[in-house]
Amino acid sequence: MVYQWDFLGTKDKGRETVEFVNDYAGGLVKITDHEEVQRIGYITINPIELSGNGRAGGYPSGEVYRWTISFEEKV
């Protein structure tokens, strides 16, 4: 099964996510969701792209960016 998550955040959080994806894409990872369900699989999107340029209204500072991460569960 393939999962996809869309994020909205600051430029700094986007950069952290890019570093995470660059480090772990193609490698086996375990993801735990908000209901404590664990899934083992692979991050399948690399490179990750940040898009956006508006001001971050409710955020401390910087611009608002959107990005998506895909995850393919190992069966």
Protein backbone atom coordinates (compact mmCIF):
# COMPACT_ATOMS: atom_id res chain seq x y z
CA MET A 1 0.00 0.00 0.00
CA VAL A 2 1.22 3.51 -0.79
CA TYR A 3 0.60 6.40 1.61
CA GLN A 4 1.01 10.07 0.86
CA TRP A 5 1.23 12.97 3.29
CA ASP A 6 0.95 16.65 2.41
CA PHE A 7 2.57 19.22 4.69
CA LEU A 8 2.35 22.97 5.14
CA GLY A 9 5.09 24.64 7.16
CA THR A 10 7.89 27.12 7.41
CA LYS A 11 10.93 27.16 5.17
CA ASP A 12 13.11 25.81 8.01
CA LYS A 13 10.82 22.80 8.59
CA GLY A 14 10.80 22.19 4.86
CA ARG A 15 14.59 22.12 4.81
CA GLU A 16 14.64 19.67 7.73
CA THR A 17 12.25 17.43 5.78
CA VAL A 18 14.41 17.62 2.66
CA GLU A 19 17.45 16.52 4.72
CA PHE A 20 15.44 13.65 6.23
CA VAL A 21 14.23 12.44 2.83
CA ASN A 22 17.72 12.73 1.32
CA ASP A 23 19.12 10.64 4.18
CA TYR A 24 16.42 7.94 4.25
CA ALA A 25 14.93 7.68 0.74
CA GLY A 26 15.34 4.15 -0.55
CA GLY A 27 16.13 2.80 2.91
CA LEU A 28 13.78 0.79 5.08
CA VAL A 29 12.03 3.02 7.67
CA LYS A 30 9.39 2.52 10.35
CA ILE A 31 6.62 5.11 10.63
CA THR A 32 4.25 5.34 13.61
CA ASP A 33 1.00 7.23 13.09
CA HIS A 34 -1.12 9.17 15.60
CA GLU A 35 -2.97 5.96 16.55
CA GLU A 36 0.31 4.14 17.33
CA VAL A 37 -0.02 1.97 14.19
CA GLN A 38 3.44 1.11 12.90
CA ARG A 39 4.25 0.59 9.24
CA ILE A 40 7.55 -0.53 7.72
CA GLY A 41 8.45 0.49 4.19
CA TYR A 42 10.28 2.94 1.96
CA ILE A 43 10.09 6.67 1.29
CA THR A 44 9.43 6.70 -2.44
CA ILE A 45 9.76 10.38 -3.38
CA ASN A 46 13.20 11.82 -3.92
CA PRO A 47 14.05 14.59 -4.50
CA ILE A 48 11.42 16.38 -2.45
CA GLU A 49 10.35 19.79 -3.74
CA LEU A 50 9.27 22.75 -1.64
CA SER A 51 6.74 25.08 -3.21
CA GLY A 52 5.21 28.31 -1.96
CA ASN A 53 6.02 31.93 -1.35
CA GLY A 54 3.35 33.48 0.88
CA ARG A 55 3.94 34.87 4.33
CA ALA A 56 3.51 32.44 7.18
CA GLY A 57 0.47 33.95 8.89
CA GLY A 58 0.31 31.92 12.11
CA TYR A 59 3.92 30.83 12.07
CA PRO A 60 6.75 32.59 13.90
CA SER A 61 8.47 33.90 10.76
CA GLY A 62 9.43 33.16 7.18
CA GLU A 63 7.40 31.89 4.26
CA VAL A 64 4.81 29.13 3.97
CA TYR A 65 5.86 26.07 1.98
CA ARG A 66 4.03 22.93 0.86
CA TRP A 67 5.59 19.53 0.29
CA THR A 68 4.51 15.92 -0.11
CA ILE A 69 6.07 12.67 1.09
CA SER A 70 5.12 9.26 -0.31
CA PHE A 71 5.68 6.01 1.57
CA GLU A 72 5.36 2.49 0.17
CA GLU A 73 4.61 -0.14 2.79
CA LYS A 74 6.66 -3.33 2.67
CA VAL A 75 4.44 -6.39 2.36
